[in-house]
Protein backbone atom coordinates (compact mmCIF):
# COMPACT_ATOMS: atom_id res chain seq x y z
CA UNK A 1 97.76 149.18 98.66
CA UNK A 2 101.59 148.46 99.76
CA UNK A 3 102.76 146.97 96.40
CA UNK A 4 100.45 150.15 93.95
CA UNK A 5 103.35 153.12 96.57
CA UNK A 6 105.93 151.30 95.40
CA UNK A 7 105.53 151.42 91.94
CA UNK A 8 104.12 154.61 92.63
CA UNK A 9 107.88 156.05 93.24
CA UNK A 10 109.86 153.64 91.32
CA UNK A 11 108.51 155.27 88.44
CA UNK A 12 109.02 158.56 90.11
CA UNK A 13 112.69 157.35 90.54
CA UNK A 14 113.08 156.01 87.30
CA UNK A 15 112.10 159.74 85.54
CA UNK A 16 115.09 161.66 84.61
CA UNK A 17 116.38 164.53 82.69
CA UNK A 18 114.03 167.69 83.73
CA UNK A 19 113.78 169.44 86.76
CA UNK A 20 111.19 171.06 87.69
CA UNK A 21 111.39 173.78 90.28
CA UNK A 22 107.66 175.09 91.83
CA UNK A 23 108.99 177.85 94.37
CA UNK A 24 104.32 179.11 94.22
CA UNK A 25 103.64 182.70 95.05
CA UNK A 26 105.44 182.82 98.66
CA UNK A 27 108.87 181.35 96.36
CA UNK A 28 108.48 184.17 94.21
CA UNK A 29 107.23 187.42 96.88
CA UNK A 30 110.55 186.50 98.20
CA UNK A 31 112.63 186.32 95.55
CA UNK A 32 111.29 189.50 94.69
CA UNK A 33 111.95 190.63 97.90
CA UNK A 34 115.73 189.60 97.74
CA UNK A 35 116.21 190.92 94.25
CA UNK A 36 115.18 194.34 95.33
CA UNK A 37 117.12 194.08 98.38
CA UNK A 38 120.31 193.52 96.10
CA UNK A 39 119.57 195.88 93.62
CA UNK A 40 117.64 198.55 94.40
CA UNK A 41 120.70 200.20 97.23
CA UNK A 42 123.63 198.17 95.45
CA UNK A 43 123.17 199.76 91.47
CA UNK A 44 122.06 203.14 93.66
CA UNK A 45 125.91 202.52 96.36
CA UNK A 46 128.09 201.82 92.85
CA UNK A 47 127.08 204.16 91.45
CA UNK A 48 128.15 206.76 93.65
CA UNK A 49 130.87 204.55 94.96
CA UNK A 50 132.44 204.77 90.90
CA UNK A 51 131.21 208.41 91.10
CA UNK A 52 133.82 209.21 94.27
CA UNK A 53 136.41 207.18 92.46
CA UNK A 54 136.29 209.13 88.88
CA UNK A 55 136.62 212.91 91.39
CA UNK A 56 139.53 211.11 93.74
CA UNK A 57 141.95 209.87 91.20
CA UNK A 58 144.53 209.19 93.27
CA UNK A 59 143.51 206.68 95.87
CA UNK A 60 142.16 203.34 94.25
CA UNK A 61 139.04 202.42 97.15
CA UNK A 62 136.73 204.52 98.31
CA UNK A 63 135.21 204.41 101.45
CA UNK A 64 131.66 204.20 103.19
CA UNK A 65 132.08 206.70 105.20
CA UNK A 66 133.38 209.10 102.44
CA UNK A 67 129.61 208.87 100.83
CA UNK A 68 126.46 210.99 101.90
CA UNK A 69 124.47 209.45 104.42
CA UNK A 70 121.85 211.23 103.37
CA UNK A 71 121.75 208.49 100.02
CA UNK A 72 120.20 205.86 101.57
CA UNK A 73 117.31 208.02 102.74
CA UNK A 74 116.37 210.15 99.85
CA UNK A 75 117.68 208.28 96.74
CA UNK A 76 115.51 210.19 94.58
CA UNK A 77 118.73 212.80 94.62
CA UNK A 78 120.58 209.71 92.80
CA UNK A 79 117.68 208.43 90.49
CA UNK A 80 119.48 210.82 87.15
CA UNK A 81 123.42 209.45 88.14
CA UNK A 82 122.01 205.74 87.79
CA UNK A 83 120.10 206.30 85.02
CA UNK A 84 116.91 205.33 86.54
CA UNK A 85 117.95 201.71 87.43
CA UNK A 86 116.65 201.28 91.28
CA UNK A 87 112.97 202.98 90.07
CA UNK A 88 113.03 200.61 86.92
CA UNK A 89 114.48 197.43 89.43
CA UNK A 90 111.55 198.28 91.33
CA UNK A 91 108.41 198.91 89.28
CA UNK A 92 109.48 195.71 87.08
CA UNK A 93 109.79 193.45 90.33
CA UNK A 94 105.77 194.70 91.68
CA UNK A 95 104.90 194.64 87.84
CA UNK A 96 105.59 190.71 87.72
CA UNK A 97 104.65 190.17 92.03
CA UNK A 98 101.18 191.24 90.48
CA UNK A 99 101.03 190.29 87.21
CA UNK A 100 101.88 186.13 89.18
CA UNK A 101 99.59 186.51 90.68
CA UNK A 102 95.72 184.86 90.33
CA UNK A 103 93.82 187.18 92.81
CA UNK A 104 95.58 190.84 91.58
CA UNK A 105 95.02 191.93 95.24
CA UNK A 106 97.74 189.63 96.00
CA UNK A 107 100.08 190.85 94.44
CA UNK A 108 99.74 194.80 95.27
CA UNK A 109 99.67 193.89 98.87
CA UNK A 110 103.14 192.28 98.45
CA UNK A 111 104.36 194.90 96.52
CA UNK A 112 103.07 197.47 98.93
CA UNK A 113 104.49 196.01 101.25
CA UNK A 114 108.28 196.25 99.56
CA UNK A 115 108.46 200.55 100.86
CA UNK A 116 108.53 199.65 104.19
CA UNK A 117 111.06 197.88 103.43
CA UNK A 118 113.22 199.04 101.24
CA UNK A 119 112.37 202.69 104.43
CA UNK A 120 113.34 199.42 106.81
CA UNK A 121 116.81 198.72 104.39
CA UNK A 122 117.70 202.01 104.78
CA UNK A 123 118.29 202.00 108.50
CA UNK A 124 119.45 199.15 108.80
CA UNK A 125 122.72 200.14 106.39
CA UNK A 126 122.72 203.13 108.02
CA UNK A 127 123.03 201.04 111.18
CA UNK A 128 125.60 199.19 110.07
CA UNK A 129 127.47 201.45 108.34
CA UNK A 130 128.11 204.41 110.70
CA UNK A 131 126.24 203.50 114.05
CA UNK A 132 123.45 203.71 115.77
CA UNK A 133 121.74 207.05 115.81
CA UNK A 134 118.68 209.25 115.70
CA UNK A 135 119.68 211.34 113.01
CA UNK A 136 118.21 208.41 110.61
CA UNK A 137 115.42 209.16 112.11
CA UNK A 138 114.88 213.11 110.91
CA UNK A 139 116.18 211.99 108.22
CA UNK A 140 113.53 210.03 106.94
CA UNK A 141 110.84 211.55 108.94
CA UNK A 142 111.87 214.94 110.19
CA UNK A 143 112.34 216.33 106.34
CA UNK A 144 109.61 217.00 103.67
CA UNK A 145 112.47 215.38 101.11
CA UNK A 146 112.10 211.80 103.25
CA UNK A 147 108.47 211.85 102.98
CA UNK A 148 109.02 213.47 99.16
CA UNK A 149 111.18 209.29 98.94
CA UNK A 150 108.25 207.98 100.13
CA UNK A 151 105.56 209.24 97.48
CA UNK A 152 107.95 208.10 95.23
CA UNK A 153 108.04 204.51 96.22
CA UNK A 154 104.99 203.93 96.46
CA UNK A 155 103.78 205.71 93.68
CA UNK A 156 106.18 203.41 91.86
CA UNK A 157 105.43 199.88 93.37
CA UNK A 158 102.06 201.02 93.10
CA UNK A 159 101.89 202.66 89.28
CA UNK A 160 104.31 198.55 88.96
CA UNK A 161 100.86 196.92 90.33
CA UNK A 162 98.88 198.03 88.64
CA UNK A 163 100.30 197.45 85.40
CA UNK A 164 100.55 194.47 86.04
CA UNK A 165 96.89 193.94 86.55
CA UNK A 166 95.60 196.19 84.09
CA UNK A 167 98.13 193.50 81.67
CA UNK A 168 96.90 190.52 83.05
CA UNK A 169 93.49 192.07 82.34
CA UNK A 170 94.08 192.48 78.41
CA UNK A 171 95.84 189.60 77.89
CA UNK A 172 93.14 187.31 79.75
CA UNK A 173 89.73 189.18 77.57
CA UNK A 174 92.06 188.72 74.46
CA UNK A 175 91.68 184.99 75.31
CA UNK A 176 88.07 185.44 75.74
CA UNK A 177 87.63 187.69 72.85
CA UNK A 178 89.11 184.84 70.21
């Protein structure tokens, strides 16, 4: 028994070449959440800062305090300026989260959890940039634009997740037919 385990470990150690990283289900969700964390507000902030920089040609640095504070909670207002890249990023991420799952409901659930993740991220970014105040709660939950933003996020995540589920079902059904 002991000799067999030693031979097996020698065979494993002698293999060279291909490195295989199996992230599994949790690893994929972690990567998707990290992409959204860095990408969603990163795209919005960079486009806004570029627009501000172009309008202030004599300045070389734009402070975040000069940025519109509502953009963190009402990102739909800058979708046209950002060429809908945040929405596309969210859609594709939710699509891939659901497409890679064997049970599509797990992917849909993980995709829906991106909505509170994005909203909490806005609160954290606001607190880091401008300090703690009651204004973020008013912007997100005391104005119809905040609820519109939540509805847009839910619609985007659900459409991406359901799209991923349907494409996977279509591919499986075509494989079964042939």
